All heavy atoms as atom14 arrays in JSON, in Angstrom:
{
  "sequence": "SRDIEPPLVYIDEVYNVTGVGTVVLGSVVRGKVNINESLMIGPNKAGE",
  "atom14_mask": [
    [1, 1, 1, 1, 1, 1, 0, 0, 0, 0, 0, 0, 0, 0],
    [1, 1, 1, 1, 1, 1, 1, 1, 1, 1, 1, 0, 0, 0],
    [1, 1, 1, 1, 1, 1, 1, 1, 0, 0, 0, 0, 0, 0],
    [1, 1, 1, 1, 1, 1, 1, 1, 0, 0, 0, 0, 0, 0],
    [1, 1, 1, 1, 1, 1, 1, 1, 1, 0, 0, 0, 0, 0],
    [1, 1, 1, 1, 1, 1, 1, 0, 0, 0, 0, 0, 0, 0],
    [1, 1, 1, 1, 1, 1, 1, 0, 0, 0, 0, 0, 0, 0],
    [1, 1, 1, 1, 1, 1, 1, 1, 0, 0, 0, 0, 0, 0],
    [1, 1, 1, 1, 1, 1, 1, 0, 0, 0, 0, 0, 0, 0],
    [1, 1, 1, 1, 1, 1, 1, 1, 1, 1, 1, 1, 0, 0],
    [1, 1, 1, 1, 1, 1, 1, 1, 0, 0, 0, 0, 0, 0],
    [1, 1, 1, 1, 1, 1, 1, 1, 0, 0, 0, 0, 0, 0],
    [1, 1, 1, 1, 1, 1, 1, 1, 1, 0, 0, 0, 0, 0],
    [1, 1, 1, 1, 1, 1, 1, 0, 0, 0, 0, 0, 0, 0],
    [1, 1, 1, 1, 1, 1, 1, 1, 1, 1, 1, 1, 0, 0],
    [1, 1, 1, 1, 1, 1, 1, 1, 0, 0, 0, 0, 0, 0],
    [1, 1, 1, 1, 1, 1, 1, 0, 0, 0, 0, 0, 0, 0],
    [1, 1, 1, 1, 1, 1, 1, 0, 0, 0, 0, 0, 0, 0],
    [1, 1, 1, 1, 0, 0, 0, 0, 0, 0, 0, 0, 0, 0],
    [1, 1, 1, 1, 1, 1, 1, 0, 0, 0, 0, 0, 0, 0],
    [1, 1, 1, 1, 0, 0, 0, 0, 0, 0, 0, 0, 0, 0],
    [1, 1, 1, 1, 1, 1, 1, 0, 0, 0, 0, 0, 0, 0],
    [1, 1, 1, 1, 1, 1, 1, 0, 0, 0, 0, 0, 0, 0],
    [1, 1, 1, 1, 1, 1, 1, 0, 0, 0, 0, 0, 0, 0],
    [1, 1, 1, 1, 1, 1, 1, 1, 0, 0, 0, 0, 0, 0],
    [1, 1, 1, 1, 0, 0, 0, 0, 0, 0, 0, 0, 0, 0],
    [1, 1, 1, 1, 1, 1, 0, 0, 0, 0, 0, 0, 0, 0],
    [1, 1, 1, 1, 1, 1, 1, 0, 0, 0, 0, 0, 0, 0],
    [1, 1, 1, 1, 1, 1, 1, 0, 0, 0, 0, 0, 0, 0],
    [1, 1, 1, 1, 1, 1, 1, 1, 1, 1, 1, 0, 0, 0],
    [1, 1, 1, 1, 0, 0, 0, 0, 0, 0, 0, 0, 0, 0],
    [1, 1, 1, 1, 1, 1, 1, 1, 1, 0, 0, 0, 0, 0],
    [1, 1, 1, 1, 1, 1, 1, 0, 0, 0, 0, 0, 0, 0],
    [1, 1, 1, 1, 1, 1, 1, 1, 0, 0, 0, 0, 0, 0],
    [1, 1, 1, 1, 1, 1, 1, 1, 0, 0, 0, 0, 0, 0],
    [1, 1, 1, 1, 1, 1, 1, 1, 0, 0, 0, 0, 0, 0],
    [1, 1, 1, 1, 1, 1, 1, 1, 1, 0, 0, 0, 0, 0],
    [1, 1, 1, 1, 1, 1, 0, 0, 0, 0, 0, 0, 0, 0],
    [1, 1, 1, 1, 1, 1, 1, 1, 0, 0, 0, 0, 0, 0],
    [1, 1, 1, 1, 1, 1, 1, 1, 0, 0, 0, 0, 0, 0],
    [1, 1, 1, 1, 1, 1, 1, 1, 0, 0, 0, 0, 0, 0],
    [1, 1, 1, 1, 0, 0, 0, 0, 0, 0, 0, 0, 0, 0],
    [1, 1, 1, 1, 1, 1, 1, 0, 0, 0, 0, 0, 0, 0],
    [1, 1, 1, 1, 1, 1, 1, 1, 0, 0, 0, 0, 0, 0],
    [1, 1, 1, 1, 1, 1, 1, 1, 1, 0, 0, 0, 0, 0],
    [1, 1, 1, 1, 1, 0, 0, 0, 0, 0, 0, 0, 0, 0],
    [1, 1, 1, 1, 0, 0, 0, 0, 0, 0, 0, 0, 0, 0],
    [1, 1, 1, 1, 1, 1, 1, 1, 1, 0, 0, 0, 0, 0]
  ],
  "atom14_positions": [
    [[72.24, 9.33, 102.59], [72.19, 9.84, 103.97], [71.23, 11.0, 104.12], [71.24, 11.68, 105.11], [73.59, 10.32, 104.33], [73.93, 11.39, 103.45], [0.0, 0.0, 0.0], [0.0, 0.0, 0.0], [0.0, 0.0, 0.0], [0.0, 0.0, 0.0], [0.0, 0.0, 0.0], [0.0, 0.0, 0.0], [0.0, 0.0, 0.0], [0.0, 0.0, 0.0]],
    [[70.39, 11.22, 103.09], [69.68, 12.5, 103.05], [68.7, 12.73, 104.2], [68.61, 13.82, 104.72], [68.96, 12.68, 101.73], [69.93, 13.06, 100.65], [69.28, 13.21, 99.32], [68.33, 14.32, 99.32], [67.9, 14.9, 98.22], [68.33, 14.5, 97.07], [67.02, 15.87, 98.26], [0.0, 0.0, 0.0], [0.0, 0.0, 0.0], [0.0, 0.0, 0.0]],
    [[67.94, 11.69, 104.56], [66.83, 11.95, 105.47], [67.08, 11.51, 106.91], [66.28, 11.78, 107.79], [65.56, 11.27, 104.95], [65.15, 11.85, 103.6], [65.66, 12.93, 103.27], [64.36, 11.22, 102.9], [0.0, 0.0, 0.0], [0.0, 0.0, 0.0], [0.0, 0.0, 0.0], [0.0, 0.0, 0.0], [0.0, 0.0, 0.0], [0.0, 0.0, 0.0]],
    [[68.17, 10.8, 107.16], [68.36, 10.22, 108.5], [68.85, 11.27, 109.5], [68.47, 11.27, 110.64], [69.37, 9.03, 108.47], [69.27, 8.32, 107.12], [69.12, 8.08, 109.61], [70.48, 7.55, 106.72], [0.0, 0.0, 0.0], [0.0, 0.0, 0.0], [0.0, 0.0, 0.0], [0.0, 0.0, 0.0], [0.0, 0.0, 0.0], [0.0, 0.0, 0.0]],
    [[69.69, 12.19, 109.0], [70.28, 13.17, 109.91], [69.22, 14.17, 110.41], [68.21, 14.36, 109.76], [71.39, 13.95, 109.2], [72.38, 13.08, 108.48], [73.19, 13.86, 107.45], [72.61, 14.44, 106.53], [74.41, 13.87, 107.61], [0.0, 0.0, 0.0], [0.0, 0.0, 0.0], [0.0, 0.0, 0.0], [0.0, 0.0, 0.0], [0.0, 0.0, 0.0]],
    [[69.48, 14.8, 111.57], [68.51, 15.8, 112.06], [68.46, 16.99, 111.11], [69.46, 17.35, 110.5], [69.09, 16.21, 113.41], [70.52, 15.83, 113.38], [70.62, 14.64, 112.47], [0.0, 0.0, 0.0], [0.0, 0.0, 0.0], [0.0, 0.0, 0.0], [0.0, 0.0, 0.0], [0.0, 0.0, 0.0], [0.0, 0.0, 0.0], [0.0, 0.0, 0.0]],
    [[67.27, 17.62, 110.95], [67.13, 18.69, 109.96], [67.89, 19.96, 110.34], [68.03, 20.28, 111.52], [65.63, 18.95, 109.92], [65.11, 18.47, 111.23], [66.01, 17.34, 111.64], [0.0, 0.0, 0.0], [0.0, 0.0, 0.0], [0.0, 0.0, 0.0], [0.0, 0.0, 0.0], [0.0, 0.0, 0.0], [0.0, 0.0, 0.0], [0.0, 0.0, 0.0]],
    [[68.37, 20.66, 109.29], [68.99, 21.97, 109.49], [68.64, 22.82, 108.26], [68.92, 22.43, 107.13], [70.51, 21.85, 109.63], [71.31, 23.16, 109.69], [70.89, 24.01, 110.89], [72.82, 22.89, 109.77], [0.0, 0.0, 0.0], [0.0, 0.0, 0.0], [0.0, 0.0, 0.0], [0.0, 0.0, 0.0], [0.0, 0.0, 0.0], [0.0, 0.0, 0.0]],
    [[68.0, 23.96, 108.51], [67.59, 24.86, 107.42], [68.17, 26.24, 107.69], [68.01, 26.78, 108.78], [66.04, 24.98, 107.36], [65.61, 25.94, 106.25], [65.39, 23.62, 107.18], [0.0, 0.0, 0.0], [0.0, 0.0, 0.0], [0.0, 0.0, 0.0], [0.0, 0.0, 0.0], [0.0, 0.0, 0.0], [0.0, 0.0, 0.0], [0.0, 0.0, 0.0]],
    [[68.89, 26.79, 106.7], [69.39, 28.17, 106.81], [68.42, 29.11, 106.13], [68.03, 28.88, 104.99], [70.79, 28.3, 106.19], [71.88, 28.06, 107.22], [72.37, 26.78, 107.46], [72.38, 29.12, 107.98], [73.35, 26.56, 108.42], [73.35, 28.9, 108.94], [73.83, 27.63, 109.16], [74.79, 27.42, 110.12], [0.0, 0.0, 0.0], [0.0, 0.0, 0.0]],
    [[68.02, 30.18, 106.83], [66.99, 31.09, 106.32], [67.6, 32.2, 105.49], [68.58, 32.83, 105.87], [66.19, 31.66, 107.5], [65.36, 30.51, 108.09], [65.28, 32.8, 107.07], [64.77, 30.8, 109.4], [0.0, 0.0, 0.0], [0.0, 0.0, 0.0], [0.0, 0.0, 0.0], [0.0, 0.0, 0.0], [0.0, 0.0, 0.0], [0.0, 0.0, 0.0]],
    [[66.98, 32.42, 104.32], [67.51, 33.41, 103.38], [66.62, 34.64, 103.24], [67.1, 35.73, 103.09], [67.7, 32.74, 102.01], [68.4, 33.69, 101.05], [69.17, 34.53, 101.52], [68.17, 33.58, 99.83], [0.0, 0.0, 0.0], [0.0, 0.0, 0.0], [0.0, 0.0, 0.0], [0.0, 0.0, 0.0], [0.0, 0.0, 0.0], [0.0, 0.0, 0.0]],
    [[65.29, 34.42, 103.26], [64.38, 35.57, 103.14], [63.26, 35.39, 104.15], [62.9, 34.26, 104.49], [63.75, 35.64, 101.73], [64.73, 35.79, 100.58], [65.28, 37.2, 100.42], [64.79, 38.11, 101.12], [66.21, 37.38, 99.61], [0.0, 0.0, 0.0], [0.0, 0.0, 0.0], [0.0, 0.0, 0.0], [0.0, 0.0, 0.0], [0.0, 0.0, 0.0]],
    [[62.69, 36.51, 104.59], [61.59, 36.47, 105.57], [60.44, 37.31, 105.01], [60.67, 38.43, 104.54], [62.06, 37.07, 106.91], [60.96, 36.99, 107.94], [63.31, 36.37, 107.42], [0.0, 0.0, 0.0], [0.0, 0.0, 0.0], [0.0, 0.0, 0.0], [0.0, 0.0, 0.0], [0.0, 0.0, 0.0], [0.0, 0.0, 0.0], [0.0, 0.0, 0.0]],
    [[59.23, 36.77, 105.02], [58.08, 37.5, 104.48], [56.92, 37.48, 105.47], [56.86, 36.62, 106.34], [57.55, 36.85, 103.19], [58.57, 36.51, 102.16], [59.07, 35.21, 102.05], [59.05, 37.48, 101.29], [60.03, 34.89, 101.08], [60.0, 37.16, 100.31], [60.49, 35.87, 100.22], [61.42, 35.55, 99.27], [0.0, 0.0, 0.0], [0.0, 0.0, 0.0]],
    [[55.98, 38.41, 105.27], [54.7, 38.34, 105.97], [53.65, 38.25, 104.88], [53.48, 39.18, 104.11], [54.51, 39.58, 106.83], [53.38, 39.38, 107.8], [52.87, 38.27, 107.96], [52.94, 40.45, 108.43], [0.0, 0.0, 0.0], [0.0, 0.0, 0.0], [0.0, 0.0, 0.0], [0.0, 0.0, 0.0], [0.0, 0.0, 0.0], [0.0, 0.0, 0.0]],
    [[52.96, 37.12, 104.77], [52.01, 36.92, 103.68], [50.59, 37.02, 104.23], [50.24, 36.33, 105.19], [52.24, 35.53, 103.02], [51.23, 35.31, 101.89], [53.66, 35.42, 102.49], [0.0, 0.0, 0.0], [0.0, 0.0, 0.0], [0.0, 0.0, 0.0], [0.0, 0.0, 0.0], [0.0, 0.0, 0.0], [0.0, 0.0, 0.0], [0.0, 0.0, 0.0]],
    [[49.8, 37.88, 103.6], [48.42, 38.09, 104.05], [47.65, 36.77, 104.07], [47.69, 36.02, 103.1], [47.7, 39.07, 103.1], [48.63, 40.07, 102.72], [46.5, 39.71, 103.77], [0.0, 0.0, 0.0], [0.0, 0.0, 0.0], [0.0, 0.0, 0.0], [0.0, 0.0, 0.0], [0.0, 0.0, 0.0], [0.0, 0.0, 0.0], [0.0, 0.0, 0.0]],
    [[46.99, 36.5, 105.18], [46.18, 35.29, 105.28], [46.98, 34.05, 105.64], [46.41, 33.0, 105.91], [0.0, 0.0, 0.0], [0.0, 0.0, 0.0], [0.0, 0.0, 0.0], [0.0, 0.0, 0.0], [0.0, 0.0, 0.0], [0.0, 0.0, 0.0], [0.0, 0.0, 0.0], [0.0, 0.0, 0.0], [0.0, 0.0, 0.0], [0.0, 0.0, 0.0]],
    [[48.32, 34.16, 105.6], [49.17, 33.0, 105.92], [49.99, 33.29, 107.17], [50.15, 32.45, 108.05], [50.13, 32.67, 104.74], [51.01, 31.47, 105.09], [49.34, 32.39, 103.48], [0.0, 0.0, 0.0], [0.0, 0.0, 0.0], [0.0, 0.0, 0.0], [0.0, 0.0, 0.0], [0.0, 0.0, 0.0], [0.0, 0.0, 0.0], [0.0, 0.0, 0.0]],
    [[50.53, 34.54, 107.25], [51.36, 34.89, 108.39], [52.83, 34.87, 108.01], [53.19, 35.19, 106.88], [0.0, 0.0, 0.0], [0.0, 0.0, 0.0], [0.0, 0.0, 0.0], [0.0, 0.0, 0.0], [0.0, 0.0, 0.0], [0.0, 0.0, 0.0], [0.0, 0.0, 0.0], [0.0, 0.0, 0.0], [0.0, 0.0, 0.0], [0.0, 0.0, 0.0]],
    [[53.66, 34.43, 108.95], [55.11, 34.47, 108.74], [55.55, 33.34, 107.8], [55.2, 32.18, 108.0], [55.85, 34.31, 110.08], [55.28, 35.25, 111.0], [57.32, 34.58, 109.93], [0.0, 0.0, 0.0], [0.0, 0.0, 0.0], [0.0, 0.0, 0.0], [0.0, 0.0, 0.0], [0.0, 0.0, 0.0], [0.0, 0.0, 0.0], [0.0, 0.0, 0.0]],
    [[56.32, 33.72, 106.77], [56.83, 32.73, 105.82], [58.33, 32.95, 105.67], [58.78, 34.09, 105.55], [56.14, 32.88, 104.44], [56.8, 32.0, 103.4], [54.66, 32.53, 104.55], [0.0, 0.0, 0.0], [0.0, 0.0, 0.0], [0.0, 0.0, 0.0], [0.0, 0.0, 0.0], [0.0, 0.0, 0.0], [0.0, 0.0, 0.0], [0.0, 0.0, 0.0]],
    [[59.12, 31.87, 105.71], [60.57, 32.0, 105.49], [60.99, 31.16, 104.29], [60.42, 30.1, 104.02], [61.4, 31.57, 106.73], [61.13, 32.49, 107.91], [61.14, 30.13, 107.12], [0.0, 0.0, 0.0], [0.0, 0.0, 0.0], [0.0, 0.0, 0.0], [0.0, 0.0, 0.0], [0.0, 0.0, 0.0], [0.0, 0.0, 0.0], [0.0, 0.0, 0.0]],
    [[61.95, 31.69, 103.53], [62.54, 30.93, 102.42], [63.88, 30.42, 102.92], [64.65, 31.19, 103.51], [62.77, 31.86, 101.22], [63.64, 31.3, 100.09], [62.85, 30.33, 99.23], [64.2, 32.4, 99.22], [0.0, 0.0, 0.0], [0.0, 0.0, 0.0], [0.0, 0.0, 0.0], [0.0, 0.0, 0.0], [0.0, 0.0, 0.0], [0.0, 0.0, 0.0]],
    [[64.15, 29.14, 102.75], [65.42, 28.62, 103.26], [65.92, 27.44, 102.48], [65.2, 26.82, 101.69], [0.0, 0.0, 0.0], [0.0, 0.0, 0.0], [0.0, 0.0, 0.0], [0.0, 0.0, 0.0], [0.0, 0.0, 0.0], [0.0, 0.0, 0.0], [0.0, 0.0, 0.0], [0.0, 0.0, 0.0], [0.0, 0.0, 0.0], [0.0, 0.0, 0.0]],
    [[67.21, 27.14, 102.69], [67.84, 25.97, 102.07], [67.93, 24.86, 103.09], [68.43, 25.08, 104.19], [69.27, 26.31, 101.68], [69.27, 27.13, 100.58], [0.0, 0.0, 0.0], [0.0, 0.0, 0.0], [0.0, 0.0, 0.0], [0.0, 0.0, 0.0], [0.0, 0.0, 0.0], [0.0, 0.0, 0.0], [0.0, 0.0, 0.0], [0.0, 0.0, 0.0]],
    [[67.47, 23.68, 102.71], [67.59, 22.53, 103.6], [69.01, 21.98, 103.43], [69.36, 21.45, 102.39], [66.54, 21.45, 103.28], [66.61, 20.34, 104.33], [65.15, 22.06, 103.23], [0.0, 0.0, 0.0], [0.0, 0.0, 0.0], [0.0, 0.0, 0.0], [0.0, 0.0, 0.0], [0.0, 0.0, 0.0], [0.0, 0.0, 0.0], [0.0, 0.0, 0.0]],
    [[69.81, 22.16, 104.47], [71.23, 21.8, 104.38], [71.42, 20.32, 104.69], [72.32, 19.66, 104.19], [72.03, 22.68, 105.36], [73.48, 22.27, 105.44], [71.93, 24.13, 104.92], [0.0, 0.0, 0.0], [0.0, 0.0, 0.0], [0.0, 0.0, 0.0], [0.0, 0.0, 0.0], [0.0, 0.0, 0.0], [0.0, 0.0, 0.0], [0.0, 0.0, 0.0]],
    [[70.53, 19.8, 105.53], [70.58, 18.34, 105.77], [69.26, 17.9, 106.39], [68.45, 18.72, 106.83], [71.76, 17.97, 106.67], [71.73, 18.58, 108.02], [72.41, 17.71, 109.07], [72.01, 18.22, 110.35], [72.8, 18.97, 111.13], [74.02, 19.25, 110.77], [72.34, 19.42, 112.28], [0.0, 0.0, 0.0], [0.0, 0.0, 0.0], [0.0, 0.0, 0.0]],
    [[69.06, 16.57, 106.4], [67.87, 16.02, 107.03], [66.61, 16.28, 106.24], [66.63, 16.62, 105.06], [0.0, 0.0, 0.0], [0.0, 0.0, 0.0], [0.0, 0.0, 0.0], [0.0, 0.0, 0.0], [0.0, 0.0, 0.0], [0.0, 0.0, 0.0], [0.0, 0.0, 0.0], [0.0, 0.0, 0.0], [0.0, 0.0, 0.0], [0.0, 0.0, 0.0]],
    [[65.48, 16.15, 106.94], [64.17, 16.23, 106.3], [63.23, 17.03, 107.19], [63.28, 16.87, 108.41], [63.65, 14.79, 106.15], [62.34, 14.67, 105.4], [61.98, 13.19, 105.28], [60.67, 13.01, 104.53], [60.31, 11.6, 104.42], [0.0, 0.0, 0.0], [0.0, 0.0, 0.0], [0.0, 0.0, 0.0], [0.0, 0.0, 0.0], [0.0, 0.0, 0.0]],
    [[62.42, 17.9, 106.59], [61.46, 18.68, 107.38], [60.05, 18.31, 106.91], [59.78, 18.3, 105.7], [61.68, 20.2, 107.18], [60.65, 21.0, 107.98], [63.09, 20.6, 107.58], [0.0, 0.0, 0.0], [0.0, 0.0, 0.0], [0.0, 0.0, 0.0], [0.0, 0.0, 0.0], [0.0, 0.0, 0.0], [0.0, 0.0, 0.0], [0.0, 0.0, 0.0]],
    [[59.17, 17.98, 107.86], [57.79, 17.6, 107.53], [56.82, 18.7, 107.96], [57.12, 19.47, 108.88], [57.41, 16.32, 108.28], [58.33, 15.17, 107.91], [58.43, 14.81, 106.75], [59.03, 14.61, 108.89], [0.0, 0.0, 0.0], [0.0, 0.0, 0.0], [0.0, 0.0, 0.0], [0.0, 0.0, 0.0], [0.0, 0.0, 0.0], [0.0, 0.0, 0.0]],
    [[55.61, 18.72, 107.33], [54.63, 19.69, 107.8], [54.15, 19.27, 109.19], [54.22, 18.09, 109.55], [53.43, 19.88, 106.83], [52.81, 18.54, 106.45], [53.83, 20.64, 105.61], [51.56, 18.71, 105.6], [0.0, 0.0, 0.0], [0.0, 0.0, 0.0], [0.0, 0.0, 0.0], [0.0, 0.0, 0.0], [0.0, 0.0, 0.0], [0.0, 0.0, 0.0]],
    [[53.72, 20.26, 109.97], [53.26, 20.07, 111.36], [54.38, 19.7, 112.32], [54.12, 19.38, 113.47], [52.13, 19.02, 111.45], [50.89, 19.52, 110.76], [50.57, 20.71, 110.83], [50.2, 18.65, 110.05], [0.0, 0.0, 0.0], [0.0, 0.0, 0.0], [0.0, 0.0, 0.0], [0.0, 0.0, 0.0], [0.0, 0.0, 0.0], [0.0, 0.0, 0.0]],
    [[55.63, 19.75, 111.85], [56.74, 19.44, 112.73], [57.09, 20.68, 113.56], [56.93, 21.8, 113.11], [57.95, 19.05, 111.85], [59.09, 18.46, 112.62], [60.12, 17.78, 111.7], [60.0, 17.84, 110.46], [61.06, 17.2, 112.24], [0.0, 0.0, 0.0], [0.0, 0.0, 0.0], [0.0, 0.0, 0.0], [0.0, 0.0, 0.0], [0.0, 0.0, 0.0]],
    [[57.55, 20.45, 114.81], [58.0, 21.58, 115.63], [59.51, 21.69, 115.55], [60.21, 20.69, 115.7], [57.59, 21.37, 117.09], [56.2, 21.54, 117.18], [0.0, 0.0, 0.0], [0.0, 0.0, 0.0], [0.0, 0.0, 0.0], [0.0, 0.0, 0.0], [0.0, 0.0, 0.0], [0.0, 0.0, 0.0], [0.0, 0.0, 0.0], [0.0, 0.0, 0.0]],
    [[59.99, 22.91, 115.3], [61.44, 23.14, 115.2], [61.8, 24.36, 116.02], [60.95, 25.18, 116.36], [61.83, 23.39, 113.73], [61.63, 22.25, 112.73], [61.83, 22.75, 111.31], [62.58, 21.1, 113.01], [0.0, 0.0, 0.0], [0.0, 0.0, 0.0], [0.0, 0.0, 0.0], [0.0, 0.0, 0.0], [0.0, 0.0, 0.0], [0.0, 0.0, 0.0]],
    [[63.1, 24.52, 116.31], [63.58, 25.72, 116.99], [64.12, 26.67, 115.93], [64.77, 26.24, 114.98], [64.71, 25.37, 117.98], [64.33, 24.34, 119.03], [62.91, 24.83, 120.02], [63.67, 26.02, 121.12], [0.0, 0.0, 0.0], [0.0, 0.0, 0.0], [0.0, 0.0, 0.0], [0.0, 0.0, 0.0], [0.0, 0.0, 0.0], [0.0, 0.0, 0.0]],
    [[63.84, 27.98, 116.1], [64.34, 28.96, 115.14], [65.13, 30.03, 115.88], [64.76, 30.45, 116.96], [63.17, 29.57, 114.32], [63.66, 30.24, 113.05], [62.36, 30.55, 115.14], [62.56, 30.56, 112.04], [0.0, 0.0, 0.0], [0.0, 0.0, 0.0], [0.0, 0.0, 0.0], [0.0, 0.0, 0.0], [0.0, 0.0, 0.0], [0.0, 0.0, 0.0]],
    [[66.28, 30.44, 115.31], [67.11, 31.45, 115.97], [68.48, 31.46, 115.31], [68.63, 30.97, 114.2], [0.0, 0.0, 0.0], [0.0, 0.0, 0.0], [0.0, 0.0, 0.0], [0.0, 0.0, 0.0], [0.0, 0.0, 0.0], [0.0, 0.0, 0.0], [0.0, 0.0, 0.0], [0.0, 0.0, 0.0], [0.0, 0.0, 0.0], [0.0, 0.0, 0.0]],
    [[69.5, 32.03, 115.96], [69.47, 32.7, 117.27], [69.13, 34.19, 117.12], [69.46, 34.79, 116.11], [70.92, 32.55, 117.74], [71.72, 32.49, 116.48], [70.86, 31.89, 115.43], [0.0, 0.0, 0.0], [0.0, 0.0, 0.0], [0.0, 0.0, 0.0], [0.0, 0.0, 0.0], [0.0, 0.0, 0.0], [0.0, 0.0, 0.0], [0.0, 0.0, 0.0]],
    [[68.49, 34.76, 118.16], [68.29, 36.21, 118.18], [69.56, 36.87, 118.75], [70.55, 36.18, 119.0], [67.04, 36.59, 118.98], [67.14, 36.14, 120.44], [68.23, 35.75, 120.92], [66.04, 36.18, 121.15], [0.0, 0.0, 0.0], [0.0, 0.0, 0.0], [0.0, 0.0, 0.0], [0.0, 0.0, 0.0], [0.0, 0.0, 0.0], [0.0, 0.0, 0.0]],
    [[69.51, 38.18, 118.98], [70.71, 38.89, 119.45], [71.28, 38.3, 120.74], [72.48, 38.3, 120.98], [70.39, 40.38, 119.68], [70.55, 41.19, 118.4], [71.0, 42.62, 118.71], [71.65, 43.27, 117.5], [70.81, 44.28, 116.87], [0.0, 0.0, 0.0], [0.0, 0.0, 0.0], [0.0, 0.0, 0.0], [0.0, 0.0, 0.0], [0.0, 0.0, 0.0]],
    [[70.35, 37.79, 121.59], [70.8, 37.23, 122.88], [71.23, 35.78, 122.73], [71.62, 35.13, 123.71], [69.66, 37.36, 123.88], [0.0, 0.0, 0.0], [0.0, 0.0, 0.0], [0.0, 0.0, 0.0], [0.0, 0.0, 0.0], [0.0, 0.0, 0.0], [0.0, 0.0, 0.0], [0.0, 0.0, 0.0], [0.0, 0.0, 0.0], [0.0, 0.0, 0.0]],
    [[71.14, 35.25, 121.5], [71.58, 33.86, 121.29], [70.5, 32.84, 121.61], [70.78, 31.66, 121.75], [0.0, 0.0, 0.0], [0.0, 0.0, 0.0], [0.0, 0.0, 0.0], [0.0, 0.0, 0.0], [0.0, 0.0, 0.0], [0.0, 0.0, 0.0], [0.0, 0.0, 0.0], [0.0, 0.0, 0.0], [0.0, 0.0, 0.0], [0.0, 0.0, 0.0]],
    [[69.23, 33.31, 121.72], [68.15, 32.38, 122.09], [67.38, 31.89, 120.86], [67.35, 32.56, 119.83], [67.15, 33.07, 123.03], [67.78, 33.59, 124.29], [67.02, 34.8, 124.85], [66.25, 35.45, 124.11], [67.22, 35.07, 126.04], [0.0, 0.0, 0.0], [0.0, 0.0, 0.0], [0.0, 0.0, 0.0], [0.0, 0.0, 0.0], [0.0, 0.0, 0.0]]
  ]
}
């Protein structure tokens, strides 16, 4: 069932890498994430 479900990644570390920009380290809890894919990231304090 690994790749059929929608992706969910929990973020553990956040970095700013010179020449690359924002980088996050995370665990893929389910589904599959591809490069060039658009995802939603959050929630911030307001829940957005």
